[in-house]
C-alpha atoms as a PDB file:
ATOM      1  CA  MET A   1       0.000   0.000   0.000  1.00  0.00           C
ATOM      2  CA  LYS A   2       1.241   3.428  -0.907  1.00  0.00           C
ATOM      3  CA  SER A   3       0.885   6.592   1.105  1.00  0.00           C
ATOM      4  CA  GLN A   4       0.875  10.140  -0.149  1.00  0.00           C
ATOM      5  CA  LYS A   5       0.430  13.523   1.510  1.00  0.00           C
ATOM      6  CA  ASN A   6      -1.151  16.562  -0.044  1.00  0.00           C
ATOM      7  CA  ALA A   7      -1.971  19.893   1.598  1.00  0.00           C
ATOM      8  CA  PRO A   8      -2.962  22.492  -1.015  1.00  0.00           C
ATOM      9  CA  SER A   9      -2.623  26.115   0.041  1.00  0.00           C
ATOM     10  CA  LYS A  10      -5.971  27.083  -1.506  1.00  0.00           C
ATOM     11  CA  SER A  11      -8.992  25.134  -2.622  1.00  0.00           C
ATOM     12  CA  GLU A  12      -9.420  24.439  -6.330  1.00  0.00           C
ATOM     13  CA  PHE A  13     -12.607  26.507  -6.315  1.00  0.00           C
ATOM     14  CA  VAL A  14     -10.961  29.678  -4.982  1.00  0.00           C
ATOM     15  CA  GLN A  15      -8.011  29.232  -7.358  1.00  0.00           C
ATOM     16  CA  VAL A  16     -10.425  29.242 -10.315  1.00  0.00           C
ATOM     17  CA  VAL A  17     -12.344  32.237  -8.941  1.00  0.00           C
ATOM     18  CA  GLU A  18      -9.135  34.221  -8.429  1.00  0.00           C
ATOM     19  CA  LYS A  19      -8.010  33.384 -11.974  1.00  0.00           C
ATOM     20  CA  TYR A  20     -11.147  35.080 -13.314  1.00  0.00           C
ATOM     21  CA  ILE A  21     -10.849  37.961 -10.824  1.00  0.00           C
ATOM     22  CA  GLN A  22      -7.350  38.690 -12.103  1.00  0.00           C
ATOM     23  CA  GLU A  23      -8.504  38.644 -15.724  1.00  0.00           C
ATOM     24  CA  ALA A  24     -11.403  40.942 -14.829  1.00  0.00           C
ATOM     25  CA  ARG A  25      -8.975  43.376 -13.139  1.00  0.00           C
ATOM     26  CA  TRP A  26     -11.014  43.057  -9.993  1.00  0.00           C
ATOM     27  CA  THR A  27     -10.158  42.335  -6.357  1.00  0.00           C
ATOM     28  CA  ASN A  28     -11.413  39.635  -4.017  1.00  0.00           C
ATOM     29  CA  GLN A  29     -13.086  42.305  -1.902  1.00  0.00           C
ATOM     30  CA  GLU A  30     -14.937  43.771  -4.878  1.00  0.00           C
ATOM     31  CA  LEU A  31     -16.316  40.349  -5.768  1.00  0.00           C
ATOM     32  CA  MET A  32     -17.346  39.741  -2.143  1.00  0.00           C
ATOM     33  CA  ASN A  33     -19.197  43.042  -2.113  1.00  0.00           C
ATOM     34  CA  GLU A  34     -20.885  42.231  -5.420  1.00  0.00           C
ATOM     35  CA  ILE A  35     -22.221  38.833  -4.316  1.00  0.00           C
ATOM     36  CA  GLN A  36     -22.829  39.956  -0.717  1.00  0.00           C
ATOM     37  CA  ILE A  37     -20.709  37.476   1.209  1.00  0.00           C
ATOM     38  CA  GLY A  38     -18.358  38.168   4.091  1.00  0.00           C
ATOM     39  CA  GLU A  39     -14.581  37.931   4.111  1.00  0.00           C
ATOM     40  CA  THR A  40     -14.696  35.130   6.698  1.00  0.00           C
ATOM     41  CA  GLN A  41     -16.868  32.980   4.436  1.00  0.00           C
ATOM     42  CA  PHE A  42     -14.600  33.525   1.429  1.00  0.00           C
ATOM     43  CA  TYR A  43     -11.534  32.453   3.374  1.00  0.00           C
ATOM     44  CA  ARG A  44     -13.354  29.391   4.696  1.00  0.00           C
ATOM     45  CA  TRP A  45     -13.787  28.399   1.041  1.00  0.00           C
ATOM     46  CA  ALA A  46     -10.104  29.105   0.410  1.00  0.00           C
ATOM     47  CA  ARG A  47      -9.013  26.894   3.314  1.00  0.00           C
ATOM     48  CA  GLY A  48     -11.426  24.166   2.308  1.00  0.00           C
ATOM     49  CA  ASP A  49     -13.426  24.333   5.549  1.00  0.00           C
ATOM     50  CA  SER A  50     -16.638  24.526   3.542  1.00  0.00           C
ATOM     51  CA  VAL A  51     -17.855  24.717  -0.033  1.00  0.00           C
ATOM     52  CA  PRO A  52     -20.286  27.260  -1.511  1.00  0.00           C
ATOM     53  CA  ARG A  53     -23.862  26.292  -2.227  1.00  0.00           C
ATOM     54  CA  LYS A  54     -24.698  25.756  -5.884  1.00  0.00           C
ATOM     55  CA  ALA A  55     -26.787  28.941  -5.910  1.00  0.00           C
ATOM     56  CA  ILE A  56     -23.774  30.936  -4.689  1.00  0.00           C
ATOM     57  CA  VAL A  57     -21.577  29.387  -7.410  1.00  0.00           C
ATOM     58  CA  ASN A  58     -24.088  30.517 -10.035  1.00  0.00           C
ATOM     59  CA  ARG A  59     -24.207  34.009  -8.531  1.00  0.00           C
ATOM     60  CA  ILE A  60     -20.406  34.247  -8.656  1.00  0.00           C
ATOM     61  CA  ALA A  61     -20.400  33.117 -12.302  1.00  0.00           C
ATOM     62  CA  VAL A  62     -22.941  35.799 -13.277  1.00  0.00           C
ATOM     63  CA  SER A  63     -21.003  38.542 -11.467  1.00  0.00           C
ATOM     64  CA  LEU A  64     -17.711  37.480 -13.040  1.00  0.00           C
ATOM     65  CA  ALA A  65     -19.266  37.299 -16.519  1.00  0.00           C
ATOM     66  CA  ARG A  66     -20.642  40.833 -16.246  1.00  0.00           C
ATOM     67  CA  ARG A  67     -17.265  42.148 -15.163  1.00  0.00           C
ATOM     68  CA  LEU A  68     -15.414  40.139 -17.826  1.00  0.00           C
ATOM     69  CA  ASP A  69     -17.702  41.610 -20.493  1.00  0.00           C
ATOM     70  CA  GLN A  70     -16.035  44.954 -19.798  1.00  0.00           C
ATOM     71  CA  THR A  71     -12.491  43.634 -20.228  1.00  0.00           C
ATOM     72  CA  ARG A  72     -13.161  41.260 -23.156  1.00  0.00           C
ATOM     73  CA  GLN A  73     -15.705  43.208 -25.208  1.00  0.00           C
ATOM     74  CA  LYS A  74     -14.978  44.485 -28.713  1.00  0.00           C
ATOM     75  CA  LEU A  75     -17.493  47.185 -29.440  1.00  0.00           C
ATOM     76  CA  PRO A  76     -19.734  47.388 -31.345  1.00  0.00           C
ATOM     77  CA  TYR A  77     -19.481  43.834 -32.659  1.00  0.00           C
ATOM     78  CA  ASP A  78     -19.131  41.784 -29.457  1.00  0.00           C
ATOM     79  CA  PRO A  79     -20.503  43.670 -26.428  1.00  0.00           C
ATOM     80  CA  PHE A  80     -21.135  40.650 -24.166  1.00  0.00           C
ATOM     81  CA  PRO A  81     -18.401  38.061 -24.875  1.00  0.00           C
ATOM     82  CA  ALA A  82     -18.291  36.535 -21.380  1.00  0.00           C
ATOM     83  CA  SER A  83     -22.051  36.532 -20.801  1.00  0.00           C
ATOM     84  CA  ASP A  84     -22.577  34.841 -24.168  1.00  0.00           C
ATOM     85  CA  GLU A  85     -20.238  32.041 -23.034  1.00  0.00           C
ATOM     86  CA  ILE A  86     -21.383  31.906 -19.413  1.00  0.00           C
ATOM     87  CA  ASP A  87     -22.010  28.142 -19.597  1.00  0.00           C
ATOM     88  CA  GLY A  88     -18.257  27.595 -19.685  1.00  0.00           C
ATOM     89  CA  ILE A  89     -17.659  29.768 -16.615  1.00  0.00           C
ATOM     90  CA  VAL A  90     -20.523  28.125 -14.717  1.00  0.00           C
ATOM     91  CA  ASN A  91     -19.293  24.621 -15.549  1.00  0.00           C
ATOM     92  CA  GLU A  92     -15.715  25.364 -14.537  1.00  0.00           C
ATOM     93  CA  LEU A  93     -16.784  26.853 -11.199  1.00  0.00           C
ATOM     94  CA  LEU A  94     -19.241  24.030 -10.496  1.00  0.00           C
ATOM     95  CA  GLU A  95     -16.612  21.381 -11.202  1.00  0.00           C
ATOM     96  CA  ALA A  96     -14.059  23.188  -9.046  1.00  0.00           C
ATOM     97  CA  ALA A  97     -16.597  23.288  -6.199  1.00  0.00           C
ATOM     98  CA  GLY A  98     -17.261  19.568  -6.639  1.00  0.00           C
ATOM     99  CA  TYR A  99     -20.716  19.766  -8.214  1.00  0.00           C
ATOM    100  CA  ARG A 100     -21.839  18.205 -11.449  1.00  0.00           C
ATOM    101  CA  ALA A 101     -21.355  20.692 -14.250  1.00  0.00           C
ATOM    102  CA  ALA A 102     -24.373  21.828 -16.257  1.00  0.00           C
ATOM    103  CA  VAL A 103     -23.039  20.132 -19.394  1.00  0.00           C
ATOM    104  CA  LYS A 104     -20.048  18.003 -18.482  1.00  0.00           C
ATOM    105  CA  GLY A 105     -17.720  17.210 -15.604  1.00  0.00           C
ATOM    106  CA  LYS A 106     -17.409  14.775 -12.702  1.00  0.00           C
ATOM    107  CA  GLY A 107     -20.845  13.252 -12.858  1.00  0.00           C
ATOM    108  CA  VAL A 108     -22.650  10.482 -11.037  1.00  0.00           C
ATOM    109  CA  ASP A 109     -20.376   7.564 -10.058  1.00  0.00           C
ATOM    110  CA  TYR A 110     -17.251   9.338 -11.355  1.00  0.00           C
ATOM    111  CA  SER A 111     -15.024   7.748  -8.693  1.00  0.00           C
ATOM    112  CA  TRP A 112     -16.537   4.311  -9.307  1.00  0.00           C
ATOM    113  CA  HIS A 113     -15.549   4.402 -12.984  1.00  0.00           C
ATOM    114  CA  GLU A 114     -12.093   5.771 -12.153  1.00  0.00           C
ATOM    115  CA  ILE A 115     -11.491   2.979  -9.613  1.00  0.00           C
ATOM    116  CA  ALA A 116     -12.625   0.348 -12.131  1.00  0.00           C
ATOM    117  CA  LYS A 117     -10.269   1.795 -14.723  1.00  0.00           C
ATOM    118  CA  ASN A 118      -7.193   1.977 -12.458  1.00  0.00           C
ATOM    119  CA  GLN A 119      -7.915  -1.041 -10.233  1.00  0.00           C
ATOM    120  CA  SER A 120      -7.036   1.076  -7.208  1.00  0.00           C
ATOM    121  CA  TRP A 121      -8.754   3.524  -4.917  1.00  0.00           C
ATOM    122  CA  ILE A 122      -7.352   6.529  -3.090  1.00  0.00           C
ATOM    123  CA  LEU A 123      -8.642   6.790   0.461  1.00  0.00           C
ATOM    124  CA  GLY A 124      -8.131   9.769   2.720  1.00  0.00           C
ATOM    125  CA  TYR A 125      -7.357   9.447   6.410  1.00  0.00           C
ATOM    126  CA  THR A 126      -6.331  11.600   9.335  1.00  0.00           C
ATOM    127  CA  ASP A 127      -4.820  10.840  12.723  1.00  0.00           C
ATOM    128  CA  VAL A 128      -7.313   9.191  15.070  1.00  0.00           C
ATOM    129  CA  PRO A 129      -5.852   7.171  17.968  1.00  0.00           C
ATOM    130  CA  THR A 130      -6.180   3.412  17.493  1.00  0.00           C
ATOM    131  CA  TRP A 131      -8.168   3.843  14.263  1.00  0.00           C
ATOM    132  CA  SER A 132      -5.855   5.586  11.784  1.00  0.00           C
ATOM    133  CA  ILE A 133      -2.267   6.472  12.634  1.00  0.00           C
ATOM    134  CA  SER A 134       0.251   8.105  10.296  1.00  0.00           C
ATOM    135  CA  GLY A 135       3.321   6.035   9.483  1.00  0.00           C
ATOM    136  CA  LYS A 136       6.846   7.349   9.849  1.00  0.00           C
ATOM    137  CA  SER A 137       8.478   8.844   6.744  1.00  0.00           C
ATOM    138  CA  ASP A 138       6.901   7.176   3.705  1.00  0.00           C
ATOM    139  CA  SER A 139       5.493   4.223   5.632  1.00  0.00           C
ATOM    140  CA  PRO A 140       1.785   3.527   5.154  1.00  0.00           C
ATOM    141  CA  PRO A 141      -0.628   4.344   7.977  1.00  0.00           C
ATOM    142  CA  THR A 142      -1.772   1.762  10.512  1.00  0.00           C
ATOM    143  CA  GLY A 143      -4.783   1.260  12.760  1.00  0.00           C
ATOM    144  CA  LEU A 144      -8.141  -0.499  12.944  1.00  0.00           C
ATOM    145  CA  ALA A 145      -9.812   1.602  10.245  1.00  0.00           C
ATOM    146  CA  ILE A 146      -6.783   1.327   7.953  1.00  0.00           C
ATOM    147  CA  LYS A 147      -6.613  -2.460   8.201  1.00  0.00           C
ATOM    148  CA  TYR A 148     -10.365  -2.783   7.714  1.00  0.00           C
ATOM    149  CA  ALA A 149     -10.413  -0.506   4.648  1.00  0.00           C
ATOM    150  CA  GLU A 150      -7.597  -2.497   3.040  1.00  0.00           C
ATOM    151  CA  GLN A 151      -9.583  -5.702   3.604  1.00  0.00           C
ATOM    152  CA  ILE A 152     -12.587  -4.125   1.898  1.00  0.00           C
ATOM    153  CA  GLY A 153     -10.319  -3.059  -0.970  1.00  0.00           C
ATOM    154  CA  ARG A 154      -9.047  -6.600  -1.448  1.00  0.00           C
ATOM    155  CA  LEU A 155     -12.617  -7.915  -1.538  1.00  0.00           C
ATOM    156  CA  LEU A 156     -13.374  -5.371  -4.268  1.00  0.00           C
ATOM    157  CA  GLY A 157     -10.216  -6.375  -6.137  1.00  0.00           C
ATOM    158  CA  VAL A 158      -8.512  -2.987  -5.858  1.00  0.00           C
ATOM    159  CA  ASN A 159      -5.249  -1.741  -4.383  1.00  0.00           C
ATOM    160  CA  THR A 160      -5.496   0.874  -1.627  1.00  0.00           C
ATOM    161  CA  ILE A 161      -3.514   4.108  -1.870  1.00  0.00           C
ATOM    162  CA  TRP A 162      -3.542   6.302   1.227  1.00  0.00           C
ATOM    163  CA  GLU A 163      -3.571  10.093   1.264  1.00  0.00           C
ATOM    164  CA  TYR A 164      -3.143  11.979   4.529  1.00  0.00           C
ATOM    165  CA  LEU A 165      -5.585  14.849   5.082  1.00  0.00           C
ATOM    166  CA  THR A 166      -6.109  17.244   7.946  1.00  0.00           C
ATOM    167  CA  TRP A 167      -9.566  17.359   9.486  1.00  0.00           C
ATOM    168  CA  GLN A 168     -10.051  20.701   7.782  1.00  0.00           C
ATOM    169  CA  ALA A 169      -9.180  19.338   4.318  1.00  0.00           C
ATOM    170  CA  ILE A 170     -11.477  16.295   4.342  1.00  0.00           C
ATOM    171  CA  PRO A 171     -14.754  17.919   3.158  1.00  0.00           C
ATOM    172  CA  LEU A 172     -13.150  19.621   0.162  1.00  0.00           C
ATOM    173  CA  ALA A 173     -11.121  16.541  -0.810  1.00  0.00           C
ATOM    174  CA  ILE A 174     -14.374  14.595  -1.075  1.00  0.00           C
ATOM    175  CA  ARG A 175     -16.255  17.429  -2.775  1.00  0.00           C
ATOM    176  CA  GLU A 176     -13.529  17.792  -5.432  1.00  0.00           C
ATOM    177  CA  ARG A 177     -13.092  13.985  -5.545  1.00  0.00           C
ATOM    178  CA  ARG A 178      -9.348  14.254  -5.084  1.00  0.00           C
ATOM    179  CA  VAL A 179      -9.829  11.099  -3.005  1.00  0.00           C
ATOM    180  CA  HIS A 180     -12.379   8.383  -3.700  1.00  0.00           C
ATOM    181  CA  GLY A 181     -13.431   8.050  -0.081  1.00  0.00           C
ATOM    182  CA  ILE A 182     -12.469   8.421   3.566  1.00  0.00           C
ATOM    183  CA  ALA A 183     -11.459   5.535   5.837  1.00  0.00           C
ATOM    184  CA  PRO A 184     -14.126   4.395   8.329  1.00  0.00           C
ATOM    185  CA  PHE A 185     -13.459   6.439  11.436  1.00  0.00           C
ATOM    186  CA  PHE A 186     -15.735   8.891  13.242  1.00  0.00           C
ATOM    187  CA  LEU A 187     -17.311  10.958  10.482  1.00  0.00           C
ATOM    188  CA  ALA A 188     -20.990  10.023  10.567  1.00  0.00           C
ATOM    189  CA  TRP A 189     -22.503  12.775  12.692  1.00  0.00           C
ATOM    190  CA  PRO A 190     -25.575  14.899  11.843  1.00  0.00           C
ATOM    191  CA  GLU A 191     -23.777  17.955  10.449  1.00  0.00           C
ATOM    192  CA  ARG A 192     -22.058  15.829   7.801  1.00  0.00           C
ATOM    193  CA  PHE A 193     -25.108  14.101   6.326  1.00  0.00           C
ATOM    194  CA  PHE A 194     -25.365  16.784   3.622  1.00  0.00           C
ATOM    195  CA  ASP A 195     -21.670  16.503   2.702  1.00  0.00           C
ATOM    196  CA  TYR A 196     -21.171  12.758   2.358  1.00  0.00           C
ATOM    197  CA  ARG A 197     -22.772   9.507   1.325  1.00  0.00           C
ATOM    198  CA  PHE A 198     -21.931   7.145   4.183  1.00  0.00           C
ATOM    199  CA  SER A 199     -21.508   3.406   4.002  1.00  0.00           C
ATOM    200  CA  GLU A 200     -23.169   1.080   6.464  1.00  0.00           C
ATOM    201  CA  GLN A 201     -21.704   1.049   9.967  1.00  0.00           C
ATOM    202  CA  CYS A 202     -18.289  -0.636  10.090  1.00  0.00           C
ATOM    203  CA  SER A 203     -18.248  -1.397  13.821  1.00  0.00           C
ATOM    204  CA  GLU A 204     -20.546  -3.440  16.022  1.00  0.00           C
ATOM    205  CA  ASP A 205     -20.585  -0.566  18.501  1.00  0.00           C
ATOM    206  CA  SER A 206     -21.616   3.058  18.300  1.00  0.00           C
ATOM    207  CA  TYR A 207     -19.561   5.709  20.027  1.00  0.00           C
ATOM    208  CA  GLY A 208     -20.420   8.902  21.812  1.00  0.00           C
ATOM    209  CA  PHE A 209     -19.009  12.249  22.870  1.00  0.00           C
ATOM    210  CA  SER A 210     -16.577  12.728  25.740  1.00  0.00           C
ATOM    211  CA  ALA A 211     -14.329  15.415  27.143  1.00  0.00           C
ATOM    212  CA  VAL A 212     -11.014  15.519  28.993  1.00  0.00           C
ATOM    213  CA  ILE A 213      -9.946  17.844  31.776  1.00  0.00           C
ATOM    214  CA  ALA A 214      -6.939  18.290  34.065  1.00  0.00           C
ATOM    215  CA  PRO A 215      -7.598  16.282  37.282  1.00  0.00           C
ATOM    216  CA  GLU A 216      -6.646  19.207  39.511  1.00  0.00           C
ATOM    217  CA  GLN A 217      -9.488  21.227  37.986  1.00  0.00           C
ATOM    218  CA  SER A 218     -12.186  18.575  37.963  1.00  0.00           C
ATOM    219  CA  LYS A 219     -13.059  18.702  41.696  1.00  0.00           C
ATOM    220  CA  LYS A 220     -14.288  15.111  41.302  1.00  0.00           C
ATOM    221  CA  SER A 221     -16.679  16.136  38.520  1.00  0.00           C
ATOM    222  CA  ILE A 222     -17.949  13.308  36.331  1.00  0.00           C
ATOM    223  CA  SER A 223     -19.650  15.410  33.656  1.00  0.00           C
ATOM    224  CA  LEU A 224     -19.157  18.714  31.879  1.00  0.00           C
ATOM    225  CA  GLU A 225     -22.380  19.963  33.418  1.00  0.00           C
ATOM    226  CA  ASP A 226     -20.877  19.654  36.922  1.00  0.00           C
ATOM    227  CA  LEU A 227     -18.397  22.446  36.163  1.00  0.00           C
ATOM    228  CA  PRO A 228     -19.125  26.184  36.567  1.00  0.00           C
ATOM    229  CA  ASN A 229     -20.245  27.395  33.128  1.00  0.00           C
ATOM    230  CA  ARG A 230     -18.572  30.784  33.264  1.00  0.00           C
ATOM    231  CA  ARG A 231     -15.125  29.281  33.865  1.00  0.00           C
ATOM    232  CA  VAL A 232     -15.330  26.523  31.250  1.00  0.00           C
ATOM    233  CA  GLU A 233     -13.466  27.019  27.966  1.00  0.00           C
ATOM    234  CA  LEU A 234     -14.344  24.524  25.224  1.00  0.00           C
ATOM    235  CA  VAL A 235     -11.196  23.372  23.402  1.00  0.00           C
ATOM    236  CA  TYR A 236     -11.386  21.477  20.105  1.00  0.00           C
ATOM    237  CA  VAL A 237      -9.744  20.776  16.742  1.00  0.00           C
ATOM    238  CA  ARG A 238     -11.246  22.738  13.853  1.00  0.00           C
ATOM    239  CA  GLY A 239     -13.226  20.445  11.561  1.00  0.00           C
ATOM    240  CA  GLU A 240     -13.094  17.501  13.974  1.00  0.00           C
ATOM    241  CA  ILE A 241     -16.166  16.210  15.768  1.00  0.00           C
ATOM    242  CA  GLY A 242     -15.343  18.298  18.848  1.00  0.00           C
ATOM    243  CA  ASP A 243     -15.932  21.375  16.683  1.00  0.00           C
ATOM    244  CA  TRP A 244     -19.525  20.283  16.119  1.00  0.00           C
ATOM    245  CA  ALA A 245     -19.935  19.451  19.820  1.00  0.00           C
ATOM    246  CA  ALA A 246     -18.802  22.974  20.743  1.00  0.00           C
ATOM    247  CA  THR A 247     -21.410  24.398  18.365  1.00  0.00           C
ATOM    248  CA  MET A 248     -24.126  22.315  20.017  1.00  0.00           C
ATOM    249  CA  LEU A 249     -23.055  23.586  23.456  1.00  0.00           C
ATOM    250  CA  ARG A 250     -22.576  27.243  22.581  1.00  0.00           C
ATOM    251  CA  ASP A 251     -25.776  28.379  24.321  1.00  0.00           C
ATOM    252  CA  SER A 252     -24.319  27.336  27.673  1.00  0.00           C
ATOM    253  CA  TYR A 253     -20.606  28.058  27.223  1.00  0.00           C
ATOM    254  CA  GLN A 254     -19.268  31.349  25.888  1.00  0.00           C
ATOM    255  CA  LYS A 255     -15.527  30.615  25.940  1.00  0.00           C
ATOM    256  CA  LYS A 256     -14.147  28.590  23.010  1.00  0.00           C
ATOM    257  CA  LYS A 257     -10.664  27.887  21.655  1.00  0.00           C
ATOM    258  CA  GLU A 258      -9.978  26.079  18.371  1.00  0.00           C
ATOM    259  CA  PHE A 259      -6.735  24.570  17.087  1.00  0.00           C
ATOM    260  CA  GLU A 260      -5.478  23.080  13.837  1.00  0.00           C
ATOM    261  CA  ASP A 261      -4.423  19.783  15.428  1.00  0.00           C
ATOM    262  CA  ARG A 262      -4.831  17.725  18.585  1.00  0.00           C
ATOM    263  CA  LYS A 263      -1.265  18.164  19.846  1.00  0.00           C
ATOM    264  CA  ARG A 264      -1.572  21.949  20.020  1.00  0.00           C
ATOM    265  CA  ALA A 265      -4.971  21.711  21.671  1.00  0.00           C
ATOM    266  CA  ILE A 266      -3.745  19.402  24.435  1.00  0.00           C
ATOM    267  CA  ASN A 267      -0.583  21.446  25.006  1.00  0.00           C
ATOM    268  CA  TYR A 268      -2.813  24.477  25.497  1.00  0.00           C
ATOM    269  CA  LEU A 269      -5.042  22.568  27.925  1.00  0.00           C
ATOM    270  CA  LEU A 270      -2.086  21.390  30.024  1.00  0.00           C
ATOM    271  CA  THR A 271      -0.453  24.818  30.118  1.00  0.00           C
ATOM    272  CA  THR A 272      -3.650  26.724  30.871  1.00  0.00           C
ATOM    273  CA  ALA A 273      -4.719  24.295  33.589  1.00  0.00           C
ATOM    274  CA  LYS A 274      -1.489  25.058  35.476  1.00  0.00           C
ATOM    275  CA  THR A 275      -1.301  28.821  34.969  1.00  0.00           C
ATOM    276  CA  GLU A 276      -5.015  29.696  35.139  1.00  0.00           C
ATOM    277  CA  GLU A 277      -6.168  27.109  37.658  1.00  0.00           C
ATOM    278  CA  LYS A 278      -8.609  29.423  39.432  1.00  0.00           C
ATOM    279  CA  LYS A 279      -9.820  31.380  36.405  1.00  0.00           C
ATOM    280  CA  VAL A 280     -10.278  29.176  33.331  1.00  0.00           C
ATOM    281  CA  ILE A 281     -11.145  25.485  33.057  1.00  0.00           C
ATOM    282  CA  PRO A 282     -10.110  24.261  29.576  1.00  0.00           C
ATOM    283  CA  VAL A 283     -12.078  21.180  28.488  1.00  0.00           C
ATOM    284  CA  PHE A 284     -11.125  19.273  25.327  1.00  0.00           C
ATOM    285  CA  LEU A 285     -14.072  17.890  23.339  1.00  0.00           C
ATOM    286  CA  SER A 286     -13.994  14.842  21.061  1.00  0.00           C
ATOM    287  CA  GLU A 287     -15.300  11.264  20.832  1.00  0.00           C
ATOM    288  CA  ASP A 288     -14.771   8.341  23.219  1.00  0.00           C
ATOM    289  CA  VAL A 289     -11.709   6.740  21.615  1.00  0.00           C
ATOM    290  CA  THR A 290      -9.700   9.946  21.257  1.00  0.00           C
ATOM    291  CA  CYS A 291     -10.547  11.143  24.766  1.00  0.00           C
ATOM    292  CA  GLU A 292      -9.603   7.825  26.356  1.00  0.00           C
ATOM    293  CA  HIS A 293      -6.275   7.824  24.489  1.00  0.00           C
ATOM    294  CA  ILE A 294      -5.515  11.422  25.494  1.00  0.00           C
ATOM    295  CA  SER A 295      -6.361  10.770  29.135  1.00  0.00           C
ATOM    296  CA  LYS A 296      -3.940   7.836  29.353  1.00  0.00           C
ATOM    297  CA  GLU A 297      -1.191   9.620  27.438  1.00  0.00           C
ATOM    298  CA  ASN A 298      -1.351  12.843  29.487  1.00  0.00           C
ATOM    299  CA  GLU A 299      -2.823  11.702  32.822  1.00  0.00           C
ATOM    300  CA  LEU A 300      -6.028  13.635  32.249  1.00  0.00           C
ATOM    301  CA  GLN A 301      -9.549  12.801  33.383  1.00  0.00           C
ATOM    302  CA  VAL A 302     -12.361  11.774  31.034  1.00  0.00           C
ATOM    303  CA  ILE A 303     -15.768  13.295  31.796  1.00  0.00           C
ATOM    304  CA  ASN A 304     -19.191  12.833  30.215  1.00  0.00           C
ATOM    305  CA  ILE A 305     -21.228  15.380  28.264  1.00  0.00           C
ATOM    306  CA  GLU A 306     -24.778  14.805  29.457  1.00  0.00           C
ATOM    307  CA  ARG A 307     -26.409  17.054  26.850  1.00  0.00           C
ATOM    308  CA  LEU A 308     -24.931  14.952  24.036  1.00  0.00           C
ATOM    309  CA  GLU A 309     -25.156  11.500  25.592  1.00  0.00           C
ATOM    310  CA  ASN A 310     -28.008  10.378  23.316  1.00  0.00           C
ATOM    311  CA  ILE A 311     -26.081  11.186  20.124  1.00  0.00           C
ATOM    312  CA  LYS A 312     -24.105   8.230  18.783  1.00  0.00           C
ATOM    313  CA  ILE A 313     -21.392   8.254  16.130  1.00  0.00           C
ATOM    314  CA  ASP A 314     -21.043   5.364  13.704  1.00  0.00           C
ATOM    315  CA  PRO A 315     -17.664   4.577  12.108  1.00  0.00           C
ATOM    316  CA  ALA A 316     -18.332   4.423   8.361  1.00  0.00           C
ATOM    317  CA  PHE A 317     -16.715   5.048   4.984  1.00  0.00           C
ATOM    318  CA  ALA A 318     -17.527   8.471   3.548  1.00  0.00           C
ATOM    319  CA  PHE A 319     -17.964   9.133  -0.184  1.00  0.00           C
ATOM    320  CA  HIS A 320     -19.106  11.945  -2.450  1.00  0.00           C
ATOM    321  CA  PRO A 321     -22.937  12.161  -2.414  1.00  0.00           C
ATOM    322  CA  ASP A 322     -23.071  11.152  -6.110  1.00  0.00           C
ATOM    323  CA  GLU A 323     -21.122   7.890  -5.588  1.00  0.00           C
ATOM    324  CA  GLU A 324     -24.027   5.445  -5.355  1.00  0.00           C
ATOM    325  CA  LYS A 325     -22.376   2.442  -7.066  1.00  0.00           C
ATOM    326  CA  LEU A 326     -19.243   2.717  -4.927  1.00  0.00           C
ATOM    327  CA  ALA A 327     -21.312   2.859  -1.732  1.00  0.00           C
ATOM    328  CA  VAL A 328     -23.378  -0.170  -2.802  1.00  0.00           C
ATOM    329  CA  ALA A 329     -20.221  -2.183  -3.558  1.00  0.00           C
ATOM    330  CA  VAL A 330     -18.596  -1.283  -0.237  1.00  0.00           C
ATOM    331  CA  ASN A 331     -21.782  -2.099   1.679  1.00  0.00           C
ATOM    332  CA  SER A 332     -21.837  -5.530   0.029  1.00  0.00           C
ATOM    333  CA  ALA A 333     -18.243  -6.130   1.141  1.00  0.00           C
ATOM    334  CA  ILE A 334     -18.990  -4.933   4.691  1.00  0.00           C
ATOM    335  CA  LYS A 335     -21.533  -7.762   5.033  1.00  0.00           C
ATOM    336  CA  ILE A 336     -18.865 -10.367   4.243  1.00  0.00           C
ATOM    337  CA  ILE A 337     -16.114  -9.643   6.781  1.00  0.00           C
ATOM    338  CA  PRO A 338     -16.272  -9.148  10.577  1.00  0.00           C
ATOM    339  CA  LYS A 339     -16.814  -5.570  11.667  1.00  0.00           C
ATOM    340  CA  ILE A 340     -14.250  -3.539  13.587  1.00  0.00           C
ATOM    341  CA  GLN A 341     -13.928  -4.271  17.298  1.00  0.00           C
ATOM    342  CA  TRP A 342     -12.357  -1.536  19.405  1.00  0.00           C
ATOM    343  CA  ARG A 343     -12.216  -3.281  22.779  1.00  0.00           C
END
């Protein structure tokens, strides 16, 4: 099995938009003003944290075409050159955003046909304790989800190629179909049902939300709700499931701190717990497996989140919403081999 890493500086969609902006002799800010979106939203697209809705893509295409008419036009013979060819702009932007183009592009079951052609599939993964762990240097990743996905690949008759992704890069990688799917770790939570087509559950067990806290700050608390709200600071990795948990809890907790990776988040928790013991109580949010691993590795205490205890997370493969044939094939293979057992 091969492993490859890829961390683009900007999403494909924003690169295409900025190409047209430059030709139109415009600025990013002028486009944002024209289509009435905020700077924060635009940079979330650039980082790959989210993708624009199809209606927004169409609005951008119309605005760019109008502006490009001014730079491309040859009066009086060709006053609207870009608007007359707007289908091409729309298609390019839709494809870059991961949608099916109006005329052509990455259509239904695109990945399925590509896998059949190459006899291999590219699966994305990120670091999740026990489930998917990056190898050293060019070594392939290891873990329960990695081993299971490779077994599924062999049943399908394809070789598995691994591509490391950050939590933040996963949604865009699927939307643009730079990877054919994501390994079966903790992705299937409510916020993501619009972004992915999930396979059937790959584990006999469902998993829930947990949190970790420095023991000296817990005061024998067994749940997040036992702590004083005003002192609690929710700590999480951007794009990871703890990010969604923090959103669900925002009505009760005003302090939040996000990080790009788990190591930085835990370092912050450990440092803050020592220096701000009587002022701030940093609490790291994630799922059961990650929290248990962190608690053992750093001598921290795992606590429950009562408000989220009825929400369960199923480990599953994640695919582009248009990949029906691939999902059906994987689901057939899942029925053949034993499911993942964590404990």
